[in-house]
Amino acid sequence: MPGVTGGEKKFKPMLKKQLNYFEKRLLDERKRVLKELGHFDETFGSTPQGADGDLSSYSFHMADQGTDAMEREKAFLFASKEGRFLWHVDQALRRLYRKPDEFGMCHQCRGEIAFDRLDALPHARFCFECKQREEDAKK
């Protein structure tokens, strides 16, 4: 097995109580992200010009145009980041529902992902050691 040395980490399936705990954590995260994305939708959909009755989405002053463009870009970047996070949460929920007996198993070494790591990052796919190796390889 790749990434497993003499001190192999054994994987034991989670108890139903633990699976329920992580399902709730993931669903709560999903709900939070969708709510946050809704706020971004409001940001993209409304303009300060619309508030005073002006239906034009363009500012008349160059400084205002720059500020508006920067705010839209910043909101887009945050929404994009939240969208990627939502994708990871949805993938974790798929893993949990399709193969609950393998949830919490590292995709690299097939060992157990520590409860503390999953508690902090419920959508984690790798144990700490394998994730560290992956990060070190990117440097």
N, C-alpha and C. Protein backbone atom coordinates (compact mmCIF):
# COMPACT_ATOMS: atom_id res chain seq x y z
N MET A 1 0.83 -1.18 0.00
CA MET A 1 0.00 0.00 0.00
C MET A 1 0.87 1.24 0.00
N PRO A 2 0.59 2.20 -0.89
CA PRO A 2 1.41 3.39 -0.93
C PRO A 2 1.25 4.22 0.33
N GLY A 3 2.36 4.72 0.82
CA GLY A 3 2.32 5.62 1.97
C GLY A 3 2.23 4.92 3.31
N VAL A 4 2.18 3.57 3.33
CA VAL A 4 2.08 2.84 4.59
C VAL A 4 3.44 2.22 4.87
N THR A 5 3.93 2.48 6.06
CA THR A 5 5.23 1.93 6.44
C THR A 5 5.02 0.83 7.46
N GLY A 6 6.09 0.42 8.13
CA GLY A 6 6.01 -0.65 9.12
C GLY A 6 4.97 -0.39 10.19
N GLY A 7 4.77 0.87 10.59
CA GLY A 7 3.77 1.21 11.60
C GLY A 7 2.44 1.52 10.96
N GLU A 8 1.86 0.51 10.31
CA GLU A 8 0.61 0.70 9.58
C GLU A 8 -0.51 1.22 10.47
N LYS A 9 -1.29 2.09 9.89
CA LYS A 9 -2.48 2.58 10.57
C LYS A 9 -3.64 1.72 10.12
N LYS A 10 -4.31 1.15 11.04
CA LYS A 10 -5.47 0.31 10.72
C LYS A 10 -6.70 1.20 10.64
N PHE A 11 -7.60 0.82 9.76
CA PHE A 11 -8.86 1.56 9.64
C PHE A 11 -9.96 0.71 10.24
N LYS A 12 -10.73 1.32 11.13
CA LYS A 12 -11.91 0.64 11.63
C LYS A 12 -13.10 1.55 11.34
N PRO A 13 -14.16 0.98 10.79
CA PRO A 13 -15.33 1.79 10.45
C PRO A 13 -15.88 2.53 11.67
N MET A 14 -16.46 3.68 11.40
CA MET A 14 -17.02 4.50 12.48
C MET A 14 -18.32 3.90 12.99
N LEU A 15 -18.61 4.23 14.23
CA LEU A 15 -19.89 3.85 14.81
C LEU A 15 -20.98 4.74 14.21
N LYS A 16 -22.20 4.24 14.24
CA LYS A 16 -23.33 4.99 13.69
C LYS A 16 -23.44 6.37 14.34
N LYS A 17 -23.18 6.44 15.64
CA LYS A 17 -23.25 7.71 16.36
C LYS A 17 -22.25 8.71 15.78
N GLN A 18 -21.03 8.25 15.48
CA GLN A 18 -20.01 9.12 14.88
C GLN A 18 -20.40 9.55 13.47
N LEU A 19 -20.94 8.62 12.69
CA LEU A 19 -21.38 8.95 11.34
C LEU A 19 -22.48 10.00 11.38
N ASN A 20 -23.41 9.84 12.31
CA ASN A 20 -24.49 10.83 12.45
C ASN A 20 -23.93 12.19 12.83
N TYR A 21 -22.94 12.19 13.70
CA TYR A 21 -22.30 13.44 14.11
C TYR A 21 -21.69 14.15 12.90
N PHE A 22 -20.94 13.42 12.08
CA PHE A 22 -20.30 14.04 10.92
C PHE A 22 -21.31 14.41 9.84
N GLU A 23 -22.37 13.64 9.71
CA GLU A 23 -23.43 14.01 8.77
C GLU A 23 -24.03 15.36 9.18
N LYS A 24 -24.31 15.52 10.46
CA LYS A 24 -24.87 16.79 10.94
C LYS A 24 -23.88 17.92 10.72
N ARG A 25 -22.61 17.69 11.03
CA ARG A 25 -21.58 18.73 10.82
C ARG A 25 -21.52 19.16 9.36
N LEU A 26 -21.52 18.18 8.46
CA LEU A 26 -21.45 18.49 7.03
C LEU A 26 -22.70 19.22 6.55
N LEU A 27 -23.86 18.77 7.00
CA LEU A 27 -25.10 19.44 6.60
C LEU A 27 -25.17 20.86 7.15
N ASP A 28 -24.67 21.07 8.37
CA ASP A 28 -24.62 22.42 8.93
C ASP A 28 -23.68 23.31 8.12
N GLU A 29 -22.52 22.77 7.74
CA GLU A 29 -21.58 23.54 6.92
C GLU A 29 -22.20 23.88 5.57
N ARG A 30 -22.90 22.91 5.00
CA ARG A 30 -23.54 23.12 3.69
C ARG A 30 -24.58 24.24 3.79
N LYS A 31 -25.36 24.20 4.85
CA LYS A 31 -26.39 25.22 5.07
C LYS A 31 -25.76 26.60 5.23
N ARG A 32 -24.66 26.67 5.99
CA ARG A 32 -23.96 27.94 6.21
C ARG A 32 -23.42 28.50 4.90
N VAL A 33 -22.81 27.63 4.10
CA VAL A 33 -22.23 28.08 2.84
C VAL A 33 -23.31 28.54 1.88
N LEU A 34 -24.42 27.81 1.81
CA LEU A 34 -25.51 28.23 0.92
C LEU A 34 -26.08 29.58 1.35
N LYS A 35 -26.16 29.80 2.64
CA LYS A 35 -26.64 31.09 3.15
C LYS A 35 -25.65 32.19 2.76
N GLU A 36 -24.36 31.89 2.91
CA GLU A 36 -23.32 32.86 2.54
C GLU A 36 -23.37 33.16 1.05
N LEU A 37 -23.54 32.13 0.25
CA LEU A 37 -23.65 32.34 -1.19
C LEU A 37 -24.89 33.15 -1.54
N GLY A 38 -25.94 33.02 -0.77
CA GLY A 38 -27.13 33.83 -0.96
C GLY A 38 -26.83 35.30 -0.73
N HIS A 39 -25.99 35.59 0.26
CA HIS A 39 -25.59 36.97 0.51
C HIS A 39 -24.78 37.51 -0.67
N PHE A 40 -23.93 36.67 -1.25
CA PHE A 40 -23.16 37.11 -2.40
C PHE A 40 -24.09 37.36 -3.59
N ASP A 41 -25.12 36.53 -3.72
CA ASP A 41 -26.10 36.72 -4.79
C ASP A 41 -26.76 38.09 -4.64
N GLU A 42 -27.09 38.45 -3.41
CA GLU A 42 -27.67 39.77 -3.16
C GLU A 42 -26.68 40.87 -3.53
N THR A 43 -25.42 40.65 -3.23
CA THR A 43 -24.38 41.63 -3.54
C THR A 43 -24.26 41.82 -5.04
N PHE A 44 -24.28 40.71 -5.80
CA PHE A 44 -24.16 40.81 -7.25
C PHE A 44 -25.43 41.37 -7.87
N GLY A 45 -26.58 41.07 -7.26
CA GLY A 45 -27.86 41.46 -7.84
C GLY A 45 -28.26 42.89 -7.55
N SER A 46 -27.75 43.48 -6.48
CA SER A 46 -28.14 44.84 -6.16
C SER A 46 -26.97 45.78 -6.34
N THR A 47 -27.27 46.99 -6.71
CA THR A 47 -26.25 48.00 -6.87
C THR A 47 -26.65 49.22 -6.08
N PRO A 48 -25.70 50.01 -5.64
CA PRO A 48 -26.04 51.22 -4.90
C PRO A 48 -26.88 52.18 -5.73
N GLN A 49 -26.71 52.13 -7.07
CA GLN A 49 -27.48 53.01 -7.92
C GLN A 49 -28.97 52.68 -7.87
N GLY A 50 -29.29 51.39 -7.73
CA GLY A 50 -30.69 50.97 -7.68
C GLY A 50 -31.38 51.46 -6.43
N ALA A 51 -30.63 51.69 -5.37
CA ALA A 51 -31.22 52.12 -4.12
C ALA A 51 -31.80 53.53 -4.21
N ASP A 52 -31.21 54.39 -5.04
CA ASP A 52 -31.73 55.75 -5.14
C ASP A 52 -32.62 55.95 -6.36
N GLY A 53 -33.02 54.86 -7.00
CA GLY A 53 -33.94 54.94 -8.12
C GLY A 53 -33.25 54.96 -9.48
N ASP A 54 -31.94 55.08 -9.51
CA ASP A 54 -31.20 55.07 -10.77
C ASP A 54 -31.00 53.62 -11.18
N LEU A 55 -31.52 53.24 -12.32
CA LEU A 55 -31.46 51.84 -12.75
C LEU A 55 -30.16 51.50 -13.48
N SER A 56 -29.32 52.46 -13.72
CA SER A 56 -28.05 52.22 -14.38
C SER A 56 -27.10 51.56 -13.39
N SER A 57 -26.36 50.55 -13.83
CA SER A 57 -25.40 49.90 -12.95
C SER A 57 -24.02 50.54 -13.08
N TYR A 58 -23.92 51.61 -13.80
CA TYR A 58 -22.63 52.28 -13.99
C TYR A 58 -22.58 53.57 -13.19
N SER A 59 -21.44 53.80 -12.56
CA SER A 59 -21.20 55.04 -11.83
C SER A 59 -20.80 56.11 -12.83
N PHE A 60 -21.02 57.37 -12.47
CA PHE A 60 -20.64 58.46 -13.35
C PHE A 60 -19.24 58.96 -13.05
N HIS A 61 -18.74 58.70 -11.88
CA HIS A 61 -17.41 59.18 -11.51
C HIS A 61 -16.41 58.03 -11.63
N MET A 62 -15.24 58.31 -12.16
CA MET A 62 -14.24 57.25 -12.38
C MET A 62 -13.83 56.57 -11.09
N ALA A 63 -13.70 57.33 -10.00
CA ALA A 63 -13.31 56.72 -8.72
C ALA A 63 -14.39 55.75 -8.24
N ASP A 64 -15.66 56.13 -8.43
CA ASP A 64 -16.76 55.24 -8.05
C ASP A 64 -16.77 53.99 -8.90
N GLN A 65 -16.45 54.14 -10.18
CA GLN A 65 -16.39 52.97 -11.05
C GLN A 65 -15.32 51.99 -10.58
N GLY A 66 -14.18 52.51 -10.20
CA GLY A 66 -13.10 51.66 -9.70
C GLY A 66 -13.48 50.95 -8.42
N THR A 67 -14.10 51.69 -7.51
CA THR A 67 -14.52 51.10 -6.24
C THR A 67 -15.57 50.03 -6.48
N ASP A 68 -16.56 50.33 -7.34
CA ASP A 68 -17.61 49.35 -7.64
C ASP A 68 -17.02 48.09 -8.25
N ALA A 69 -16.09 48.25 -9.18
CA ALA A 69 -15.47 47.09 -9.83
C ALA A 69 -14.68 46.27 -8.81
N MET A 70 -13.95 46.95 -7.93
CA MET A 70 -13.17 46.24 -6.91
C MET A 70 -14.09 45.46 -5.97
N GLU A 71 -15.19 46.07 -5.55
CA GLU A 71 -16.13 45.40 -4.65
C GLU A 71 -16.77 44.19 -5.32
N ARG A 72 -17.13 44.33 -6.59
CA ARG A 72 -17.72 43.19 -7.32
C ARG A 72 -16.71 42.06 -7.45
N GLU A 73 -15.46 42.41 -7.76
CA GLU A 73 -14.42 41.38 -7.91
C GLU A 73 -14.14 40.68 -6.58
N LYS A 74 -14.09 41.47 -5.51
CA LYS A 74 -13.85 40.89 -4.18
C LYS A 74 -15.00 39.94 -3.81
N ALA A 75 -16.23 40.37 -4.05
CA ALA A 75 -17.38 39.51 -3.75
C ALA A 75 -17.35 38.24 -4.60
N PHE A 76 -16.95 38.37 -5.87
CA PHE A 76 -16.85 37.20 -6.74
C PHE A 76 -15.80 36.22 -6.23
N LEU A 77 -14.64 36.73 -5.78
CA LEU A 77 -13.59 35.86 -5.28
C LEU A 77 -14.04 35.11 -4.03
N PHE A 78 -14.72 35.81 -3.12
CA PHE A 78 -15.23 35.15 -1.92
C PHE A 78 -16.28 34.10 -2.28
N ALA A 79 -17.16 34.44 -3.21
CA ALA A 79 -18.20 33.49 -3.64
C ALA A 79 -17.58 32.28 -4.31
N SER A 80 -16.53 32.50 -5.08
CA SER A 80 -15.85 31.40 -5.75
C SER A 80 -15.22 30.45 -4.73
N LYS A 81 -14.60 31.03 -3.70
CA LYS A 81 -13.99 30.22 -2.64
C LYS A 81 -15.06 29.42 -1.91
N GLU A 82 -16.18 30.06 -1.58
CA GLU A 82 -17.26 29.35 -0.90
C GLU A 82 -17.85 28.27 -1.80
N GLY A 83 -17.91 28.53 -3.10
CA GLY A 83 -18.42 27.53 -4.04
C GLY A 83 -17.54 26.29 -4.07
N ARG A 84 -16.23 26.49 -4.05
CA ARG A 84 -15.30 25.34 -4.00
C ARG A 84 -15.47 24.57 -2.70
N PHE A 85 -15.63 25.31 -1.60
CA PHE A 85 -15.83 24.66 -0.30
C PHE A 85 -17.11 23.84 -0.32
N LEU A 86 -18.17 24.39 -0.91
CA LEU A 86 -19.45 23.67 -1.00
C LEU A 86 -19.26 22.38 -1.80
N TRP A 87 -18.48 22.42 -2.86
CA TRP A 87 -18.23 21.22 -3.66
C TRP A 87 -17.57 20.15 -2.79
N HIS A 88 -16.57 20.54 -1.98
CA HIS A 88 -15.88 19.58 -1.10
C HIS A 88 -16.85 19.01 -0.05
N VAL A 89 -17.71 19.83 0.49
CA VAL A 89 -18.69 19.36 1.48
C VAL A 89 -19.65 18.37 0.82
N ASP A 90 -20.11 18.70 -0.38
CA ASP A 90 -21.02 17.79 -1.10
C ASP A 90 -20.35 16.46 -1.42
N GLN A 91 -19.07 16.50 -1.79
CA GLN A 91 -18.33 15.26 -2.06
C GLN A 91 -18.24 14.41 -0.79
N ALA A 92 -17.99 15.05 0.35
CA ALA A 92 -17.91 14.32 1.62
C ALA A 92 -19.25 13.69 1.96
N LEU A 93 -20.34 14.41 1.73
CA LEU A 93 -21.67 13.84 1.98
C LEU A 93 -21.93 12.65 1.06
N ARG A 94 -21.51 12.74 -0.19
CA ARG A 94 -21.66 11.60 -1.12
C ARG A 94 -20.90 10.38 -0.59
N ARG A 95 -19.65 10.62 -0.13
CA ARG A 95 -18.86 9.50 0.41
C ARG A 95 -19.55 8.91 1.63
N LEU A 96 -20.08 9.77 2.48
CA LEU A 96 -20.74 9.32 3.70
C LEU A 96 -21.98 8.48 3.39
N TYR A 97 -22.77 8.91 2.41
CA TYR A 97 -24.01 8.20 2.08
C TYR A 97 -23.75 6.94 1.25
N ARG A 98 -22.79 6.99 0.33
CA ARG A 98 -22.55 5.84 -0.55
C ARG A 98 -21.80 4.71 0.13
N LYS A 99 -20.77 5.07 0.92
CA LYS A 99 -19.95 4.05 1.58
C LYS A 99 -19.68 4.47 3.02
N PRO A 100 -20.71 4.40 3.88
CA PRO A 100 -20.52 4.85 5.26
C PRO A 100 -19.45 4.06 6.00
N ASP A 101 -19.24 2.79 5.62
CA ASP A 101 -18.23 1.98 6.29
C ASP A 101 -16.81 2.41 5.94
N GLU A 102 -16.65 3.28 4.93
CA GLU A 102 -15.32 3.77 4.55
C GLU A 102 -15.14 5.26 4.87
N PHE A 103 -16.16 5.90 5.43
CA PHE A 103 -16.03 7.32 5.74
C PHE A 103 -14.99 7.49 6.85
N GLY A 104 -14.05 8.39 6.65
CA GLY A 104 -12.96 8.59 7.61
C GLY A 104 -11.72 7.80 7.26
N MET A 105 -11.75 7.12 6.11
CA MET A 105 -10.59 6.37 5.64
C MET A 105 -9.78 7.27 4.70
N CYS A 106 -8.48 7.32 4.91
CA CYS A 106 -7.59 8.12 4.08
C CYS A 106 -7.59 7.57 2.66
N HIS A 107 -7.72 8.43 1.68
CA HIS A 107 -7.74 8.00 0.28
C HIS A 107 -6.37 7.59 -0.22
N GLN A 108 -5.32 7.94 0.52
CA GLN A 108 -3.96 7.61 0.09
C GLN A 108 -3.48 6.29 0.72
N CYS A 109 -3.41 6.27 2.05
CA CYS A 109 -2.81 5.10 2.73
C CYS A 109 -3.86 4.10 3.22
N ARG A 110 -5.12 4.46 3.10
CA ARG A 110 -6.25 3.61 3.53
C ARG A 110 -6.30 3.43 5.05
N GLY A 111 -5.55 4.27 5.77
CA GLY A 111 -5.59 4.26 7.23
C GLY A 111 -6.70 5.16 7.73
N GLU A 112 -6.77 5.29 9.02
CA GLU A 112 -7.83 6.08 9.64
C GLU A 112 -7.45 7.56 9.70
N ILE A 113 -8.39 8.43 9.35
CA ILE A 113 -8.20 9.86 9.53
C ILE A 113 -8.59 10.14 10.98
N ALA A 114 -7.71 10.80 11.71
CA ALA A 114 -7.94 11.05 13.14
C ALA A 114 -9.24 11.81 13.35
N PHE A 115 -9.95 11.47 14.43
CA PHE A 115 -11.22 12.10 14.75
C PHE A 115 -11.05 13.61 14.86
N ASP A 116 -9.97 14.06 15.51
CA ASP A 116 -9.73 15.50 15.68
C ASP A 116 -9.60 16.21 14.33
N ARG A 117 -8.95 15.56 13.38
CA ARG A 117 -8.81 16.16 12.04
C ARG A 117 -10.17 16.24 11.36
N LEU A 118 -10.94 15.16 11.42
CA LEU A 118 -12.27 15.18 10.82
C LEU A 118 -13.20 16.16 11.53
N ASP A 119 -13.03 16.29 12.83
CA ASP A 119 -13.86 17.23 13.57
C ASP A 119 -13.57 18.66 13.13
N ALA A 120 -12.30 18.96 12.87
CA ALA A 120 -11.92 20.29 12.42
C ALA A 120 -12.24 20.50 10.94
N LEU A 121 -12.14 19.43 10.15
CA LEU A 121 -12.31 19.50 8.71
C LEU A 121 -13.12 18.28 8.26
N PRO A 122 -14.44 18.31 8.45
CA PRO A 122 -15.24 17.10 8.21
C PRO A 122 -15.21 16.58 6.77
N HIS A 123 -14.73 17.39 5.83
CA HIS A 123 -14.67 16.92 4.45
C HIS A 123 -13.28 16.39 4.07
N ALA A 124 -12.39 16.23 5.06
CA ALA A 124 -11.02 15.77 4.80
C ALA A 124 -11.02 14.40 4.12
N ARG A 125 -10.13 14.26 3.13
CA ARG A 125 -9.99 12.98 2.43
C ARG A 125 -8.70 12.26 2.78
N PHE A 126 -7.77 12.99 3.38
CA PHE A 126 -6.47 12.42 3.70
C PHE A 126 -6.17 12.54 5.19
N CYS A 127 -5.42 11.58 5.72
CA CYS A 127 -4.94 11.70 7.09
C CYS A 127 -3.90 12.81 7.12
N PHE A 128 -3.51 13.22 8.31
CA PHE A 128 -2.58 14.33 8.44
C PHE A 128 -1.25 14.05 7.74
N GLU A 129 -0.73 12.84 7.91
CA GLU A 129 0.58 12.50 7.35
C GLU A 129 0.55 12.54 5.82
N CYS A 130 -0.48 11.96 5.22
CA CYS A 130 -0.58 11.95 3.76
C CYS A 130 -0.81 13.35 3.20
N LYS A 131 -1.61 14.15 3.89
CA LYS A 131 -1.85 15.52 3.45
C LYS A 131 -0.55 16.33 3.56
N GLN A 132 0.22 16.09 4.62
CA GLN A 132 1.49 16.79 4.79
C GLN A 132 2.44 16.43 3.65
N ARG A 133 2.50 15.15 3.28
CA ARG A 133 3.35 14.72 2.17
C ARG A 133 2.91 15.39 0.86
N GLU A 134 1.61 15.47 0.65
CA GLU A 134 1.08 16.12 -0.55
C GLU A 134 1.48 17.59 -0.59
N GLU A 135 1.34 18.28 0.54
CA GLU A 135 1.70 19.70 0.62
C GLU A 135 3.20 19.88 0.41
N ASP A 136 4.02 19.01 1.00
CA ASP A 136 5.47 19.11 0.85
C ASP A 136 5.89 18.88 -0.60
N ALA A 137 5.18 18.00 -1.30
CA ALA A 137 5.49 17.72 -2.70
C ALA A 137 5.18 18.91 -3.60
N LYS A 138 4.25 19.75 -3.19
CA LYS A 138 3.88 20.93 -3.98
C LYS A 138 4.91 22.05 -3.88
N LYS A 139 5.74 21.98 -2.85
CA LYS A 139 6.73 23.07 -2.63
C LYS A 139 7.88 23.01 -3.59
